[in-house]
Structure formats: C-alpha cells, structure tokens
PDB file of all heavy atoms in Angstrom:
ATOM      1  N   SER A   1     -20.428  -0.069   5.439  1.00  0.00           N
ATOM      2  CA  SER A   1     -20.456  -0.299   6.871  1.00  0.00           C
ATOM      3  C   SER A   1     -20.634   1.019   7.640  1.00  0.00           C
ATOM      4  O   SER A   1     -21.003   0.959   8.840  1.00  0.00           O
ATOM      5  CB  SER A   1     -19.149  -0.903   7.317  1.00  0.00           C
ATOM      6  OG  SER A   1     -18.026  -0.037   7.064  1.00  0.00           O
ATOM      7  N   ARG A   2     -20.417   2.171   7.035  1.00  0.00           N
ATOM      8  CA  ARG A   2     -20.651   3.433   7.701  1.00  0.00           C
ATOM      9  C   ARG A   2     -22.073   3.961   7.585  1.00  0.00           C
ATOM     10  O   ARG A   2     -22.415   4.996   8.104  1.00  0.00           O
ATOM     11  CB  ARG A   2     -19.673   4.554   7.133  1.00  0.00           C
ATOM     12  CG  ARG A   2     -18.199   4.081   7.174  1.00  0.00           C
ATOM     13  CD  ARG A   2     -17.288   5.120   6.651  1.00  0.00           C
ATOM     14  NE  ARG A   2     -15.898   4.744   6.647  1.00  0.00           N
ATOM     15  CZ  ARG A   2     -14.889   5.577   6.314  1.00  0.00           C
ATOM     16  NH1 ARG A   2     -15.144   6.859   6.003  1.00  0.00           N
ATOM     17  NH2 ARG A   2     -13.670   5.090   6.416  1.00  0.00           N
ATOM     18  N   MET A   3     -22.913   3.195   6.865  1.00  0.00           N
ATOM     19  CA  MET A   3     -24.302   3.628   6.627  1.00  0.00           C
ATOM     20  C   MET A   3     -25.198   2.847   7.589  1.00  0.00           C
ATOM     21  O   MET A   3     -25.359   1.595   7.426  1.00  0.00           O
ATOM     22  CB  MET A   3     -24.686   3.394   5.136  1.00  0.00           C
ATOM     23  CG  MET A   3     -23.804   4.151   4.208  1.00  0.00           C
ATOM     24  SD  MET A   3     -23.881   3.404   2.464  1.00  0.00           S
ATOM     25  CE  MET A   3     -25.661   3.630   2.143  1.00  0.00           C
ATOM     26  N   PRO A   4     -25.808   3.399   8.547  1.00  0.00           N
ATOM     27  CA  PRO A   4     -26.618   2.736   9.542  1.00  0.00           C
ATOM     28  C   PRO A   4     -27.881   2.130   8.889  1.00  0.00           C
ATOM     29  O   PRO A   4     -28.515   2.816   8.046  1.00  0.00           O
ATOM     30  CB  PRO A   4     -26.996   3.744  10.609  1.00  0.00           C
ATOM     31  CG  PRO A   4     -26.890   5.106   9.862  1.00  0.00           C
ATOM     32  CD  PRO A   4     -25.804   4.936   8.821  1.00  0.00           C
ATOM     33  N   LEU A   5     -28.204   0.870   9.271  1.00  0.00           N
ATOM     34  CA  LEU A   5     -29.443   0.291   8.843  1.00  0.00           C
ATOM     35  C   LEU A   5     -30.247  -0.093  10.058  1.00  0.00           C
ATOM     36  O   LEU A   5     -30.195  -1.245  10.559  1.00  0.00           O
ATOM     37  CB  LEU A   5     -29.098  -0.919   7.955  1.00  0.00           C
ATOM     38  CG  LEU A   5     -28.553  -0.705   6.661  1.00  0.00           C
ATOM     39  CD1 LEU A   5     -28.409  -2.042   5.900  1.00  0.00           C
ATOM     40  CD2 LEU A   5     -29.383   0.201   5.819  1.00  0.00           C
ATOM     41  N   THR A   6     -30.832   0.893  10.632  1.00  0.00           N
ATOM     42  CA  THR A   6     -31.698   0.637  11.817  1.00  0.00           C
ATOM     43  C   THR A   6     -32.993   0.041  11.449  1.00  0.00           C
ATOM     44  O   THR A   6     -33.369  -0.007  10.268  1.00  0.00           O
ATOM     45  CB  THR A   6     -31.987   1.997  12.584  1.00  0.00           C
ATOM     46  OG1 THR A   6     -32.648   2.892  11.628  1.00  0.00           O
ATOM     47  CG2 THR A   6     -30.675   2.644  13.047  1.00  0.00           C
ATOM     48  N   ARG A   7     -33.613  -0.630  12.378  1.00  0.00           N
ATOM     49  CA  ARG A   7     -34.979  -1.232  12.275  1.00  0.00           C
ATOM     50  C   ARG A   7     -35.019  -2.569  11.549  1.00  0.00           C
ATOM     51  O   ARG A   7     -36.002  -3.289  11.612  1.00  0.00           O
ATOM     52  CB  ARG A   7     -35.967  -0.260  11.608  1.00  0.00           C
ATOM     53  CG  ARG A   7     -36.083   1.096  12.372  1.00  0.00           C
ATOM     54  CD  ARG A   7     -37.287   1.875  11.964  1.00  0.00           C
ATOM     55  NE  ARG A   7     -37.204   2.303  10.575  1.00  0.00           N
ATOM     56  CZ  ARG A   7     -36.489   3.331  10.151  1.00  0.00           C
ATOM     57  NH1 ARG A   7     -35.676   4.017  11.016  1.00  0.00           N
ATOM     58  NH2 ARG A   7     -36.488   3.732   8.883  1.00  0.00           N
ATOM     59  N   LEU A   8     -33.954  -2.935  10.875  1.00  0.00           N
ATOM     60  CA  LEU A   8     -33.826  -4.302  10.372  1.00  0.00           C
ATOM     61  C   LEU A   8     -33.091  -5.142  11.377  1.00  0.00           C
ATOM     62  O   LEU A   8     -32.234  -4.657  12.214  1.00  0.00           O
ATOM     63  CB  LEU A   8     -33.008  -4.321   9.054  1.00  0.00           C
ATOM     64  CG  LEU A   8     -33.769  -3.732   7.862  1.00  0.00           C
ATOM     65  CD1 LEU A   8     -32.828  -3.736   6.606  1.00  0.00           C
ATOM     66  CD2 LEU A   8     -34.994  -4.561   7.503  1.00  0.00           C
ATOM     67  N   PRO A   9     -33.412  -6.465  11.430  1.00  0.00           N
ATOM     68  CA  PRO A   9     -32.655  -7.343  12.400  1.00  0.00           C
ATOM     69  C   PRO A   9     -31.133  -7.230  12.302  1.00  0.00           C
ATOM     70  O   PRO A   9     -30.640  -7.332  11.171  1.00  0.00           O
ATOM     71  CB  PRO A   9     -33.199  -8.709  12.042  1.00  0.00           C
ATOM     72  CG  PRO A   9     -34.512  -8.512  11.312  1.00  0.00           C
ATOM     73  CD  PRO A   9     -34.317  -7.211  10.639  1.00  0.00           C
ATOM     74  N   ALA A  10     -30.431  -7.042  13.421  1.00  0.00           N
ATOM     75  CA  ALA A  10     -29.040  -6.762  13.373  1.00  0.00           C
ATOM     76  C   ALA A  10     -28.260  -7.905  12.712  1.00  0.00           C
ATOM     77  O   ALA A  10     -27.257  -7.676  11.969  1.00  0.00           O
ATOM     78  CB  ALA A  10     -28.536  -6.477  14.793  1.00  0.00           C
ATOM     79  N   GLN A  11     -28.697  -9.127  13.059  1.00  0.00           N
ATOM     80  CA  GLN A  11     -27.960 -10.263  12.458  1.00  0.00           C
ATOM     81  C   GLN A  11     -28.112 -10.375  10.980  1.00  0.00           C
ATOM     82  O   GLN A  11     -27.164 -10.639  10.234  1.00  0.00           O
ATOM     83  CB  GLN A  11     -28.498 -11.628  13.124  1.00  0.00           C
ATOM     84  CG  GLN A  11     -27.914 -12.888  12.581  1.00  0.00           C
ATOM     85  CD  GLN A  11     -26.395 -12.905  12.802  1.00  0.00           C
ATOM     86  OE1 GLN A  11     -25.868 -12.347  13.775  1.00  0.00           O
ATOM     87  NE2 GLN A  11     -25.632 -13.570  11.868  1.00  0.00           N
ATOM     88  N   LYS A  12     -29.277  -9.974  10.422  1.00  0.00           N
ATOM     89  CA  LYS A  12     -29.477 -10.012   9.014  1.00  0.00           C
ATOM     90  C   LYS A  12     -28.651  -8.932   8.333  1.00  0.00           C
ATOM     91  O   LYS A  12     -28.149  -9.091   7.235  1.00  0.00           O
ATOM     92  CB  LYS A  12     -30.967  -9.776   8.699  1.00  0.00           C
ATOM     93  CG  LYS A  12     -31.874 -10.877   9.211  1.00  0.00           C
ATOM     94  CD  LYS A  12     -31.544 -12.260   8.600  1.00  0.00           C
ATOM     95  CE  LYS A  12     -32.469 -13.352   9.104  1.00  0.00           C
ATOM     96  NZ  LYS A  12     -32.132 -14.704   8.550  1.00  0.00           N
ATOM     97  N   VAL A  13     -28.536  -7.770   9.000  1.00  0.00           N
ATOM     98  CA  VAL A  13     -27.703  -6.690   8.463  1.00  0.00           C
ATOM     99  C   VAL A  13     -26.255  -7.074   8.373  1.00  0.00           C
ATOM    100  O   VAL A  13     -25.571  -6.894   7.388  1.00  0.00           O
ATOM    101  CB  VAL A  13     -27.883  -5.413   9.307  1.00  0.00           C
ATOM    102  CG1 VAL A  13     -26.851  -4.340   8.880  1.00  0.00           C
ATOM    103  CG2 VAL A  13     -29.257  -4.852   9.228  1.00  0.00           C
ATOM    104  N   ARG A  14     -25.772  -7.779   9.419  1.00  0.00           N
ATOM    105  CA  ARG A  14     -24.391  -8.237   9.395  1.00  0.00           C
ATOM    106  C   ARG A  14     -24.173  -9.242   8.247  1.00  0.00           C
ATOM    107  O   ARG A  14     -23.148  -9.220   7.579  1.00  0.00           O
ATOM    108  CB  ARG A  14     -23.985  -8.873  10.712  1.00  0.00           C
ATOM    109  CG  ARG A  14     -23.790  -7.872  11.855  1.00  0.00           C
ATOM    110  CD  ARG A  14     -23.104  -8.527  13.025  1.00  0.00           C
ATOM    111  NE  ARG A  14     -24.037  -9.439  13.684  1.00  0.00           N
ATOM    112  CZ  ARG A  14     -24.885  -9.060  14.685  1.00  0.00           C
ATOM    113  NH1 ARG A  14     -24.886  -7.821  15.144  1.00  0.00           N
ATOM    114  NH2 ARG A  14     -25.626  -9.967  15.243  1.00  0.00           N
ATOM    115  N   GLU A  15     -25.101 -10.166   8.041  1.00  0.00           N
ATOM    116  CA  GLU A  15     -24.999 -11.124   7.006  1.00  0.00           C
ATOM    117  C   GLU A  15     -25.042 -10.421   5.579  1.00  0.00           C
ATOM    118  O   GLU A  15     -24.288 -10.822   4.682  1.00  0.00           O
ATOM    119  CB  GLU A  15     -26.111 -12.123   7.063  1.00  0.00           C
ATOM    120  CG  GLU A  15     -26.062 -13.032   8.286  1.00  0.00           C
ATOM    121  CD  GLU A  15     -27.258 -13.937   8.405  1.00  0.00           C
ATOM    122  OE1 GLU A  15     -28.137 -13.978   7.463  1.00  0.00           O
ATOM    123  OE2 GLU A  15     -27.345 -14.661   9.418  1.00  0.00           O
ATOM    124  N   HIS A  16     -25.893  -9.436   5.556  1.00  0.00           N
ATOM    125  CA  HIS A  16     -26.001  -8.705   4.275  1.00  0.00           C
ATOM    126  C   HIS A  16     -24.711  -7.907   3.925  1.00  0.00           C
ATOM    127  O   HIS A  16     -24.329  -7.870   2.711  1.00  0.00           O
ATOM    128  CB  HIS A  16     -27.159  -7.666   4.347  1.00  0.00           C
ATOM    129  CG  HIS A  16     -27.294  -6.685   3.283  1.00  0.00           C
ATOM    130  ND1 HIS A  16     -27.524  -7.090   1.989  1.00  0.00           N
ATOM    131  CD2 HIS A  16     -27.268  -5.387   3.193  1.00  0.00           C
ATOM    132  CE1 HIS A  16     -27.575  -6.071   1.146  1.00  0.00           C
ATOM    133  NE2 HIS A  16     -27.464  -5.002   1.861  1.00  0.00           N
ATOM    134  N   ARG A  17     -24.048  -7.419   4.901  1.00  0.00           N
ATOM    135  CA  ARG A  17     -22.855  -6.644   4.736  1.00  0.00           C
ATOM    136  C   ARG A  17     -21.602  -7.567   4.613  1.00  0.00           C
ATOM    137  O   ARG A  17     -20.575  -7.123   4.130  1.00  0.00           O
ATOM    138  CB  ARG A  17     -22.712  -5.669   5.833  1.00  0.00           C
ATOM    139  CG  ARG A  17     -23.767  -4.555   5.927  1.00  0.00           C
ATOM    140  CD  ARG A  17     -23.350  -3.360   5.157  1.00  0.00           C
ATOM    141  NE  ARG A  17     -24.367  -2.374   5.042  1.00  0.00           N
ATOM    142  CZ  ARG A  17     -24.624  -1.431   5.992  1.00  0.00           C
ATOM    143  NH1 ARG A  17     -24.104  -1.424   7.135  1.00  0.00           N
ATOM    144  NH2 ARG A  17     -25.566  -0.469   5.695  1.00  0.00           N
ATOM    145  N   ASP A  18     -21.730  -8.788   4.996  1.00  0.00           N
ATOM    146  CA  ASP A  18     -20.529  -9.705   5.000  1.00  0.00           C
ATOM    147  C   ASP A  18     -20.624 -10.683   3.830  1.00  0.00           C
ATOM    148  O   ASP A  18     -20.731 -11.925   3.952  1.00  0.00           O
ATOM    149  CB  ASP A  18     -20.557 -10.507   6.272  1.00  0.00           C
ATOM    150  CG  ASP A  18     -19.208 -11.334   6.428  1.00  0.00           C
ATOM    151  OD1 ASP A  18     -18.239 -10.917   5.824  1.00  0.00           O
ATOM    152  OD2 ASP A  18     -19.202 -12.292   7.191  1.00  0.00           O
ATOM    153  N   LEU A  19     -20.694 -10.131   2.599  1.00  0.00           N
ATOM    154  CA  LEU A  19     -20.804 -10.914   1.419  1.00  0.00           C
ATOM    155  C   LEU A  19     -19.532 -11.719   1.096  1.00  0.00           C
ATOM    156  O   LEU A  19     -18.472 -11.269   1.371  1.00  0.00           O
ATOM    157  CB  LEU A  19     -21.118 -10.029   0.188  1.00  0.00           C
ATOM    158  CG  LEU A  19     -22.452  -9.292   0.207  1.00  0.00           C
ATOM    159  CD1 LEU A  19     -22.631  -8.505  -1.101  1.00  0.00           C
ATOM    160  CD2 LEU A  19     -23.596 -10.303   0.328  1.00  0.00           C
ATOM    161  N   ALA A  20     -19.716 -12.941   0.574  1.00  0.00           N
ATOM    162  CA  ALA A  20     -18.601 -13.779   0.161  1.00  0.00           C
ATOM    163  C   ALA A  20     -18.429 -13.579  -1.366  1.00  0.00           C
ATOM    164  O   ALA A  20     -19.413 -13.724  -2.086  1.00  0.00           O
ATOM    165  CB  ALA A  20     -18.860 -15.214   0.533  1.00  0.00           C
ATOM    166  N   ALA A  21     -17.197 -13.352  -1.779  1.00  0.00           N
ATOM    167  CA  ALA A  21     -16.875 -13.186  -3.151  1.00  0.00           C
ATOM    168  C   ALA A  21     -16.503 -14.525  -3.811  1.00  0.00           C
ATOM    169  O   ALA A  21     -15.677 -15.243  -3.235  1.00  0.00           O
ATOM    170  CB  ALA A  21     -15.750 -12.200  -3.382  1.00  0.00           C
ATOM    171  N   VAL A  22     -17.033 -14.815  -4.986  1.00  0.00           N
ATOM    172  CA  VAL A  22     -16.637 -16.036  -5.684  1.00  0.00           C
ATOM    173  C   VAL A  22     -15.373 -15.824  -6.462  1.00  0.00           C
ATOM    174  O   VAL A  22     -14.504 -16.714  -6.614  1.00  0.00           O
ATOM    175  CB  VAL A  22     -17.793 -16.485  -6.628  1.00  0.00           C
ATOM    176  CG1 VAL A  22     -17.388 -17.622  -7.584  1.00  0.00           C
ATOM    177  CG2 VAL A  22     -19.010 -16.883  -5.841  1.00  0.00           C
ATOM    178  N   ARG A  23     -15.218 -14.672  -6.946  1.00  0.00           N
ATOM    179  CA  ARG A  23     -14.029 -14.283  -7.852  1.00  0.00           C
ATOM    180  C   ARG A  23     -12.952 -13.633  -7.077  1.00  0.00           C
ATOM    181  O   ARG A  23     -13.243 -12.821  -6.128  1.00  0.00           O
ATOM    182  CB  ARG A  23     -14.488 -13.324  -8.981  1.00  0.00           C
ATOM    183  CG  ARG A  23     -15.532 -14.015  -9.899  1.00  0.00           C
ATOM    184  CD  ARG A  23     -16.035 -12.896 -10.862  1.00  0.00           C
ATOM    185  NE  ARG A  23     -14.989 -12.199 -11.538  1.00  0.00           N
ATOM    186  CZ  ARG A  23     -15.150 -11.071 -12.256  1.00  0.00           C
ATOM    187  NH1 ARG A  23     -16.338 -10.502 -12.242  1.00  0.00           N
ATOM    188  NH2 ARG A  23     -14.142 -10.458 -12.817  1.00  0.00           N
ATOM    189  N   ASP A  24     -11.770 -13.921  -7.398  1.00  0.00           N
ATOM    190  CA  ASP A  24     -10.589 -13.255  -6.753  1.00  0.00           C
ATOM    191  C   ASP A  24     -10.182 -12.017  -7.618  1.00  0.00           C
ATOM    192  O   ASP A  24     -10.706 -11.832  -8.705  1.00  0.00           O
ATOM    193  CB  ASP A  24      -9.389 -14.198  -6.672  1.00  0.00           C
ATOM    194  CG  ASP A  24      -9.613 -15.236  -5.625  1.00  0.00           C
ATOM    195  OD1 ASP A  24     -10.325 -15.020  -4.634  1.00  0.00           O
ATOM    196  OD2 ASP A  24      -9.174 -16.404  -5.835  1.00  0.00           O
ATOM    197  N   GLY A  25      -9.282 -11.199  -7.078  1.00  0.00           N
ATOM    198  CA  GLY A  25      -8.744 -10.147  -7.849  1.00  0.00           C
ATOM    199  C   GLY A  25      -9.570  -8.912  -7.747  1.00  0.00           C
ATOM    200  O   GLY A  25     -10.398  -8.660  -6.932  1.00  0.00           O
ATOM    201  N   GLY A  26      -9.311  -7.993  -8.800  1.00  0.00           N
ATOM    202  CA  GLY A  26      -9.934  -6.748  -8.777  1.00  0.00           C
ATOM    203  C   GLY A  26      -9.072  -5.712  -8.130  1.00  0.00           C
ATOM    204  O   GLY A  26      -8.170  -5.990  -7.359  1.00  0.00           O
ATOM    205  N   ARG A  27      -9.254  -4.400  -8.530  1.00  0.00           N
ATOM    206  CA  ARG A  27      -8.438  -3.379  -7.953  1.00  0.00           C
ATOM    207  C   ARG A  27      -9.268  -2.112  -7.837  1.00  0.00           C
ATOM    208  O   ARG A  27     -10.073  -1.795  -8.693  1.00  0.00           O
ATOM    209  CB  ARG A  27      -7.292  -3.092  -8.946  1.00  0.00           C
ATOM    210  CG  ARG A  27      -6.172  -2.192  -8.314  1.00  0.00           C
ATOM    211  CD  ARG A  27      -4.938  -2.107  -9.209  1.00  0.00           C
ATOM    212  NE  ARG A  27      -5.117  -1.380 -10.421  1.00  0.00           N
ATOM    213  CZ  ARG A  27      -5.130  -1.923 -11.649  1.00  0.00           C
ATOM    214  NH1 ARG A  27      -4.878  -3.222 -11.791  1.00  0.00           N
ATOM    215  NH2 ARG A  27      -5.301  -1.216 -12.726  1.00  0.00           N
ATOM    216  N   VAL A  28      -9.037  -1.401  -6.751  1.00  0.00           N
ATOM    217  CA  VAL A  28      -9.770  -0.173  -6.520  1.00  0.00           C
ATOM    218  C   VAL A  28      -8.756   0.974  -6.386  1.00  0.00           C
ATOM    219  O   VAL A  28      -7.780   0.813  -5.533  1.00  0.00           O
ATOM    220  CB  VAL A  28     -10.612  -0.230  -5.236  1.00  0.00           C
ATOM    221  CG1 VAL A  28     -11.301   1.150  -4.991  1.00  0.00           C
ATOM    222  CG2 VAL A  28     -11.706  -1.321  -5.411  1.00  0.00           C
TER     223      VAL A  28
END
C-alpha cells in the first residue's frame, strides 16, 4: 500500500490491493 501505482485506473489498483484470502491463519 506504500508503493504508488500511478497511471493505472485507481479503482483497479484498489481491487488489486484488496485481495480476499481463502485460507485463515498464518503468522508474520
């Protein structure tokens, strides 16, 4: 989200960055 993606349609960028996860869990 801190990496700007100019020149692509803003709505498409939001959709691209707002991925839905199928699996739960995980740890960072």
